[in-house]
Amino acid sequence: MTWFNLNFRQFTSSGKIDLQIIMKKLSLMLLIFCSFVLLTACGPDTRGAQVGKPAPDFTLVDRQGKTWTLSELKGQVVFVNFWATWCAPCREEMPAMQELHEKLPKDTFKMLAILNKDDPALADSFAAKIGITMPILDDQANTVGVLYGLTGVPETFIINKKGLIVRKFIGPHKWNTTRYTQMLKKFIDQ
C-alpha cells in the first residue's frame, strides 16, 4: 500500500524533509489507534448482573437479623431493589414497593430491599415512619452492589423462579401499578 508508506523520511524536491507529509501520516496512525481503542472499549458490558443470565448469588442479613441467600429462593420470583435513604427517588418509590409486597403471594414472591452504602439506623427510622414490612438487607460495604454492577440507586432486578434475571430497571418506578403487578404475576405463574 503506497498511500500508507511508513517511511517517514519524506523529502521535497529541494531535498528538505516534508513535515506536512510526516504529520499527515502520524495523524492517520493516531486516528487508527484511537478508533481501535474506542471500538474495543465500547463493546458490550460484561460486568455485573445481566438480563438473561443467572443472578449473582449473595448472602446478606436483614435489619431483623435474618440471613437471606438468593440461591435459597429458587422456585420463587425475587424482586431485588438497591436503594439508599439519601436518595429521594428511592424514598419516593418505597410506598409503591410496600404496596406491591403486600399484594403478591408470599410463598411465590419475595421482595428484597438492599440498603446500599447507607446507615442502617436511618433505614430503620425511614421504614418505621412509612410502615415498611419487606426485608431490608444491609449492604453497607457495597459488595452485592459491585457484584451486580450497580450504576446508581434505585436499581431493580427481577429474578425468575429458575434464578435468571428477566428484567432490570434503572431509576424509580410506580411498582404498585397494574403494569408491574401483571408483569410479576406472569413470572409467578410460569
C-alpha atoms as a PDB file:
ATOM      1  CA  MET A   1       0.000   0.000   0.000  1.00  0.00           C
ATOM      2  CA  THR A   2       1.782   3.088  -1.179  1.00  0.00           C
ATOM      3  CA  TRP A   3      -0.683   5.519   0.436  1.00  0.00           C
ATOM      4  CA  PHE A   4       0.337   4.229   3.875  1.00  0.00           C
ATOM      5  CA  ASN A   5       4.092   4.119   3.405  1.00  0.00           C
ATOM      6  CA  LEU A   6       5.664   4.203   6.868  1.00  0.00           C
ATOM      7  CA  ASN A   7       8.857   5.731   5.508  1.00  0.00           C
ATOM      8  CA  PHE A   8       8.986   8.951   7.492  1.00  0.00           C
ATOM      9  CA  ARG A   9      11.985  10.285   5.584  1.00  0.00           C
ATOM     10  CA  GLN A  10       9.973  12.257   3.083  1.00  0.00           C
ATOM     11  CA  PHE A  11      11.862  14.876   1.116  1.00  0.00           C
ATOM     12  CA  THR A  12      10.720  17.759  -1.032  1.00  0.00           C
ATOM     13  CA  SER A  13      12.174  18.387  -4.469  1.00  0.00           C
ATOM     14  CA  SER A  14      14.727  20.675  -2.854  1.00  0.00           C
ATOM     15  CA  GLY A  15      15.932  17.847  -0.560  1.00  0.00           C
ATOM     16  CA  LYS A  16      14.342  19.164   2.690  1.00  0.00           C
ATOM     17  CA  ILE A  17      12.208  16.944   4.938  1.00  0.00           C
ATOM     18  CA  ASP A  18       8.476  17.487   4.238  1.00  0.00           C
ATOM     19  CA  LEU A  19       6.933  17.849   7.704  1.00  0.00           C
ATOM     20  CA  GLN A  20       3.422  18.131   6.278  1.00  0.00           C
ATOM     21  CA  ILE A  21       3.571  14.595   4.861  1.00  0.00           C
ATOM     22  CA  ILE A  22       5.037  13.251   8.096  1.00  0.00           C
ATOM     23  CA  MET A  23       2.303  14.959  10.166  1.00  0.00           C
ATOM     24  CA  LYS A  24      -0.418  13.520   7.923  1.00  0.00           C
ATOM     25  CA  LYS A  25       0.985  10.019   8.372  1.00  0.00           C
ATOM     26  CA  LEU A  26       1.271  10.426  12.151  1.00  0.00           C
ATOM     27  CA  SER A  27      -2.280  11.796  12.297  1.00  0.00           C
ATOM     28  CA  LEU A  28      -3.576   8.840  10.312  1.00  0.00           C
ATOM     29  CA  MET A  29      -1.782   6.382  12.601  1.00  0.00           C
ATOM     30  CA  LEU A  30      -3.155   8.150  15.675  1.00  0.00           C
ATOM     31  CA  LEU A  31      -6.682   8.098  14.215  1.00  0.00           C
ATOM     32  CA  ILE A  32      -6.458   4.350  13.506  1.00  0.00           C
ATOM     33  CA  PHE A  33      -5.151   3.678  17.036  1.00  0.00           C
ATOM     34  CA  CYS A  34      -7.847   5.794  18.709  1.00  0.00           C
ATOM     35  CA  SER A  35     -10.561   4.130  16.609  1.00  0.00           C
ATOM     36  CA  PHE A  36      -9.329   0.722  17.694  1.00  0.00           C
ATOM     37  CA  VAL A  37      -9.311   1.741  21.367  1.00  0.00           C
ATOM     38  CA  LEU A  38     -12.772   3.281  21.092  1.00  0.00           C
ATOM     39  CA  LEU A  39     -14.269   0.257  19.359  1.00  0.00           C
ATOM     40  CA  THR A  40     -12.866  -2.188  21.891  1.00  0.00           C
ATOM     41  CA  ALA A  41     -13.907  -0.008  24.842  1.00  0.00           C
ATOM     42  CA  CYS A  42     -17.468   0.412  23.585  1.00  0.00           C
ATOM     43  CA  GLY A  43     -18.234  -3.292  23.348  1.00  0.00           C
ATOM     44  CA  PRO A  44     -20.973  -4.890  25.436  1.00  0.00           C
ATOM     45  CA  ASP A  45     -20.509  -4.530  29.188  1.00  0.00           C
ATOM     46  CA  THR A  46     -19.939  -7.982  30.621  1.00  0.00           C
ATOM     47  CA  ARG A  47     -19.543  -6.885  34.220  1.00  0.00           C
ATOM     48  CA  GLY A  48     -22.294  -7.257  36.755  1.00  0.00           C
ATOM     49  CA  ALA A  49     -25.734  -8.776  36.512  1.00  0.00           C
ATOM     50  CA  GLN A  50     -27.233  -9.130  33.038  1.00  0.00           C
ATOM     51  CA  VAL A  51     -30.732  -9.875  31.807  1.00  0.00           C
ATOM     52  CA  GLY A  52     -30.972 -13.460  30.591  1.00  0.00           C
ATOM     53  CA  LYS A  53     -28.091 -14.615  32.789  1.00  0.00           C
ATOM     54  CA  PRO A  54     -28.170 -16.272  36.237  1.00  0.00           C
ATOM     55  CA  ALA A  55     -28.478 -13.761  39.045  1.00  0.00           C
ATOM     56  CA  PRO A  56     -25.244 -13.458  41.033  1.00  0.00           C
ATOM     57  CA  ASP A  57     -25.735 -15.232  44.344  1.00  0.00           C
ATOM     58  CA  PHE A  58     -25.326 -13.329  47.584  1.00  0.00           C
ATOM     59  CA  THR A  59     -25.923 -13.677  51.290  1.00  0.00           C
ATOM     60  CA  LEU A  60     -26.911 -10.649  53.365  1.00  0.00           C
ATOM     61  CA  VAL A  61     -28.508 -10.096  56.753  1.00  0.00           C
ATOM     62  CA  ASP A  62     -31.696  -8.056  57.084  1.00  0.00           C
ATOM     63  CA  ARG A  63     -32.366  -5.448  59.761  1.00  0.00           C
ATOM     64  CA  GLN A  64     -34.143  -8.046  61.942  1.00  0.00           C
ATOM     65  CA  GLY A  65     -31.086 -10.344  61.887  1.00  0.00           C
ATOM     66  CA  LYS A  66     -32.403 -12.901  59.372  1.00  0.00           C
ATOM     67  CA  THR A  67     -29.876 -14.190  56.817  1.00  0.00           C
ATOM     68  CA  TRP A  68     -31.005 -14.199  53.184  1.00  0.00           C
ATOM     69  CA  THR A  69     -29.228 -16.195  50.476  1.00  0.00           C
ATOM     70  CA  LEU A  70     -30.556 -15.576  46.990  1.00  0.00           C
ATOM     71  CA  SER A  71     -29.934 -19.129  45.729  1.00  0.00           C
ATOM     72  CA  GLU A  72     -32.165 -20.471  48.518  1.00  0.00           C
ATOM     73  CA  LEU A  73     -35.092 -18.565  46.986  1.00  0.00           C
ATOM     74  CA  LYS A  74     -35.112 -20.545  43.712  1.00  0.00           C
ATOM     75  CA  GLY A  75     -38.662 -21.522  42.850  1.00  0.00           C
ATOM     76  CA  GLN A  76     -39.876 -18.030  43.752  1.00  0.00           C
ATOM     77  CA  VAL A  77     -39.859 -14.762  41.840  1.00  0.00           C
ATOM     78  CA  VAL A  78     -37.479 -12.356  43.570  1.00  0.00           C
ATOM     79  CA  PHE A  79     -37.644  -8.563  43.334  1.00  0.00           C
ATOM     80  CA  VAL A  80     -34.220  -7.145  44.296  1.00  0.00           C
ATOM     81  CA  ASN A  81     -34.139  -3.374  44.763  1.00  0.00           C
ATOM     82  CA  PHE A  82     -30.989  -1.427  45.619  1.00  0.00           C
ATOM     83  CA  TRP A  83     -31.713   1.833  47.426  1.00  0.00           C
ATOM     84  CA  ALA A  84     -30.462   4.368  49.985  1.00  0.00           C
ATOM     85  CA  THR A  85     -32.171   6.752  52.395  1.00  0.00           C
ATOM     86  CA  TRP A  86     -30.289   9.766  50.980  1.00  0.00           C
ATOM     87  CA  CYS A  87     -31.781   9.021  47.531  1.00  0.00           C
ATOM     88  CA  ALA A  88     -35.033  10.974  47.082  1.00  0.00           C
ATOM     89  CA  PRO A  89     -36.319   8.835  44.161  1.00  0.00           C
ATOM     90  CA  CYS A  90     -35.653   5.715  46.278  1.00  0.00           C
ATOM     91  CA  ARG A  91     -37.708   7.094  49.153  1.00  0.00           C
ATOM     92  CA  GLU A  92     -40.486   8.092  46.747  1.00  0.00           C
ATOM     93  CA  GLU A  93     -40.853   4.592  45.259  1.00  0.00           C
ATOM     94  CA  MET A  94     -40.820   2.752  48.617  1.00  0.00           C
ATOM     95  CA  PRO A  95     -44.556   3.128  49.406  1.00  0.00           C
ATOM     96  CA  ALA A  96     -45.432   1.623  45.987  1.00  0.00           C
ATOM     97  CA  MET A  97     -42.966  -1.208  46.618  1.00  0.00           C
ATOM     98  CA  GLN A  98     -44.544  -1.857  50.025  1.00  0.00           C
ATOM     99  CA  GLU A  99     -47.998  -1.981  48.437  1.00  0.00           C
ATOM    100  CA  LEU A 100     -46.753  -4.467  45.831  1.00  0.00           C
ATOM    101  CA  HIS A 101     -45.075  -6.514  48.575  1.00  0.00           C
ATOM    102  CA  GLU A 102     -48.394  -6.771  50.416  1.00  0.00           C
ATOM    103  CA  LYS A 103     -50.367  -7.579  47.238  1.00  0.00           C
ATOM    104  CA  LEU A 104     -48.383 -10.548  45.882  1.00  0.00           C
ATOM    105  CA  PRO A 105     -48.329 -14.066  47.391  1.00  0.00           C
ATOM    106  CA  LYS A 106     -45.547 -14.540  49.954  1.00  0.00           C
ATOM    107  CA  ASP A 107     -44.979 -18.207  49.060  1.00  0.00           C
ATOM    108  CA  THR A 108     -44.057 -17.464  45.408  1.00  0.00           C
ATOM    109  CA  PHE A 109     -42.763 -13.883  45.574  1.00  0.00           C
ATOM    110  CA  LYS A 110     -40.031 -12.248  47.640  1.00  0.00           C
ATOM    111  CA  MET A 111     -39.127  -8.579  47.694  1.00  0.00           C
ATOM    112  CA  LEU A 112     -35.656  -7.722  48.995  1.00  0.00           C
ATOM    113  CA  ALA A 113     -34.759  -4.063  49.539  1.00  0.00           C
ATOM    114  CA  ILE A 114     -30.963  -3.870  49.671  1.00  0.00           C
ATOM    115  CA  LEU A 115     -29.692  -0.814  51.508  1.00  0.00           C
ATOM    116  CA  ASN A 116     -26.626   0.245  49.530  1.00  0.00           C
ATOM    117  CA  LYS A 117     -23.756   2.163  51.197  1.00  0.00           C
ATOM    118  CA  ASP A 118     -26.038   3.762  53.775  1.00  0.00           C
ATOM    119  CA  ASP A 119     -26.575   3.952  57.524  1.00  0.00           C
ATOM    120  CA  PRO A 120     -28.873   1.122  58.687  1.00  0.00           C
ATOM    121  CA  ALA A 121     -30.219   3.249  61.553  1.00  0.00           C
ATOM    122  CA  LEU A 122     -31.529   5.772  59.016  1.00  0.00           C
ATOM    123  CA  ALA A 123     -33.180   2.941  57.067  1.00  0.00           C
ATOM    124  CA  ASP A 124     -34.806   1.627  60.250  1.00  0.00           C
ATOM    125  CA  SER A 125     -36.190   5.071  61.046  1.00  0.00           C
ATOM    126  CA  PHE A 126     -37.476   5.563  57.492  1.00  0.00           C
ATOM    127  CA  ALA A 127     -39.046   2.066  57.414  1.00  0.00           C
ATOM    128  CA  ALA A 128     -40.833   2.667  60.721  1.00  0.00           C
ATOM    129  CA  LYS A 129     -42.077   6.073  59.587  1.00  0.00           C
ATOM    130  CA  ILE A 130     -43.800   4.766  56.431  1.00  0.00           C
ATOM    131  CA  GLY A 131     -44.614   1.227  57.608  1.00  0.00           C
ATOM    132  CA  ILE A 132     -42.254  -0.883  55.508  1.00  0.00           C
ATOM    133  CA  THR A 133     -42.536  -4.603  56.284  1.00  0.00           C
ATOM    134  CA  MET A 134     -40.423  -6.021  53.418  1.00  0.00           C
ATOM    135  CA  PRO A 135     -36.956  -7.227  54.386  1.00  0.00           C
ATOM    136  CA  ILE A 136     -34.281  -4.525  54.282  1.00  0.00           C
ATOM    137  CA  LEU A 137     -30.890  -6.134  53.733  1.00  0.00           C
ATOM    138  CA  ASP A 138     -27.697  -4.354  54.727  1.00  0.00           C
ATOM    139  CA  ASP A 139     -25.016  -3.858  52.035  1.00  0.00           C
ATOM    140  CA  GLN A 140     -23.012  -1.028  53.618  1.00  0.00           C
ATOM    141  CA  ALA A 141     -19.792  -2.411  52.134  1.00  0.00           C
ATOM    142  CA  ASN A 142     -21.372  -2.409  48.618  1.00  0.00           C
ATOM    143  CA  THR A 143     -20.222  -5.993  47.989  1.00  0.00           C
ATOM    144  CA  VAL A 144     -23.514  -7.023  46.389  1.00  0.00           C
ATOM    145  CA  GLY A 145     -23.775  -3.663  44.624  1.00  0.00           C
ATOM    146  CA  VAL A 146     -20.411  -4.313  42.971  1.00  0.00           C
ATOM    147  CA  LEU A 147     -21.405  -7.901  42.193  1.00  0.00           C
ATOM    148  CA  TYR A 148     -24.500  -6.601  40.374  1.00  0.00           C
ATOM    149  CA  GLY A 149     -22.598  -3.794  38.620  1.00  0.00           C
ATOM    150  CA  LEU A 150     -24.766  -1.006  40.009  1.00  0.00           C
ATOM    151  CA  THR A 151     -24.785   2.265  38.129  1.00  0.00           C
ATOM    152  CA  GLY A 152     -26.639   4.050  40.918  1.00  0.00           C
ATOM    153  CA  VAL A 153     -29.766   3.796  43.037  1.00  0.00           C
ATOM    154  CA  PRO A 154     -32.554   2.922  42.745  1.00  0.00           C
ATOM    155  CA  GLU A 155     -31.860  -0.072  40.570  1.00  0.00           C
ATOM    156  CA  THR A 156     -34.118  -3.132  40.479  1.00  0.00           C
ATOM    157  CA  PHE A 157     -33.658  -6.686  39.210  1.00  0.00           C
ATOM    158  CA  ILE A 158     -36.480  -9.177  38.695  1.00  0.00           C
ATOM    159  CA  ILE A 159     -35.300 -12.771  39.059  1.00  0.00           C
ATOM    160  CA  ASN A 160     -37.481 -15.641  37.847  1.00  0.00           C
ATOM    161  CA  LYS A 161     -38.086 -18.980  39.561  1.00  0.00           C
ATOM    162  CA  LYS A 162     -35.079 -20.525  37.799  1.00  0.00           C
ATOM    163  CA  GLY A 163     -32.733 -17.843  39.161  1.00  0.00           C
ATOM    164  CA  LEU A 164     -32.367 -15.928  35.887  1.00  0.00           C
ATOM    165  CA  ILE A 165     -32.554 -12.152  35.691  1.00  0.00           C
ATOM    166  CA  VAL A 166     -35.557 -11.413  33.485  1.00  0.00           C
ATOM    167  CA  ARG A 167     -35.817  -7.632  33.914  1.00  0.00           C
ATOM    168  CA  LYS A 168     -33.594  -4.783  35.036  1.00  0.00           C
ATOM    169  CA  PHE A 169     -34.906  -1.312  35.877  1.00  0.00           C
ATOM    170  CA  ILE A 170     -32.776   1.756  36.436  1.00  0.00           C
ATOM    171  CA  GLY A 171     -34.450   4.578  38.300  1.00  0.00           C
ATOM    172  CA  PRO A 172     -37.673   4.825  40.281  1.00  0.00           C
ATOM    173  CA  HIS A 173     -40.962   3.238  39.181  1.00  0.00           C
ATOM    174  CA  LYS A 174     -44.559   3.150  40.337  1.00  0.00           C
ATOM    175  CA  TRP A 175     -44.397  -0.509  41.310  1.00  0.00           C
ATOM    176  CA  ASN A 176     -47.990  -0.708  42.523  1.00  0.00           C
ATOM    177  CA  THR A 177     -49.471  -0.031  39.058  1.00  0.00           C
ATOM    178  CA  THR A 178     -51.274  -2.700  37.050  1.00  0.00           C
ATOM    179  CA  ARG A 179     -48.416  -2.837  34.541  1.00  0.00           C
ATOM    180  CA  TYR A 180     -45.855  -4.073  37.074  1.00  0.00           C
ATOM    181  CA  THR A 181     -48.301  -6.235  39.036  1.00  0.00           C
ATOM    182  CA  GLN A 182     -49.285  -8.079  35.845  1.00  0.00           C
ATOM    183  CA  MET A 183     -45.657  -8.458  34.778  1.00  0.00           C
ATOM    184  CA  LEU A 184     -44.731 -10.027  38.125  1.00  0.00           C
ATOM    185  CA  LYS A 185     -47.836 -12.270  38.187  1.00  0.00           C
ATOM    186  CA  LYS A 186     -46.847 -13.518  34.716  1.00  0.00           C
ATOM    187  CA  PHE A 187     -43.445 -14.577  36.096  1.00  0.00           C
ATOM    188  CA  ILE A 188     -45.063 -16.087  39.205  1.00  0.00           C
ATOM    189  CA  ASP A 189     -47.452 -18.154  37.030  1.00  0.00           C
ATOM    190  CA  GLN A 190     -44.675 -19.543  34.820  1.00  0.00           C
END
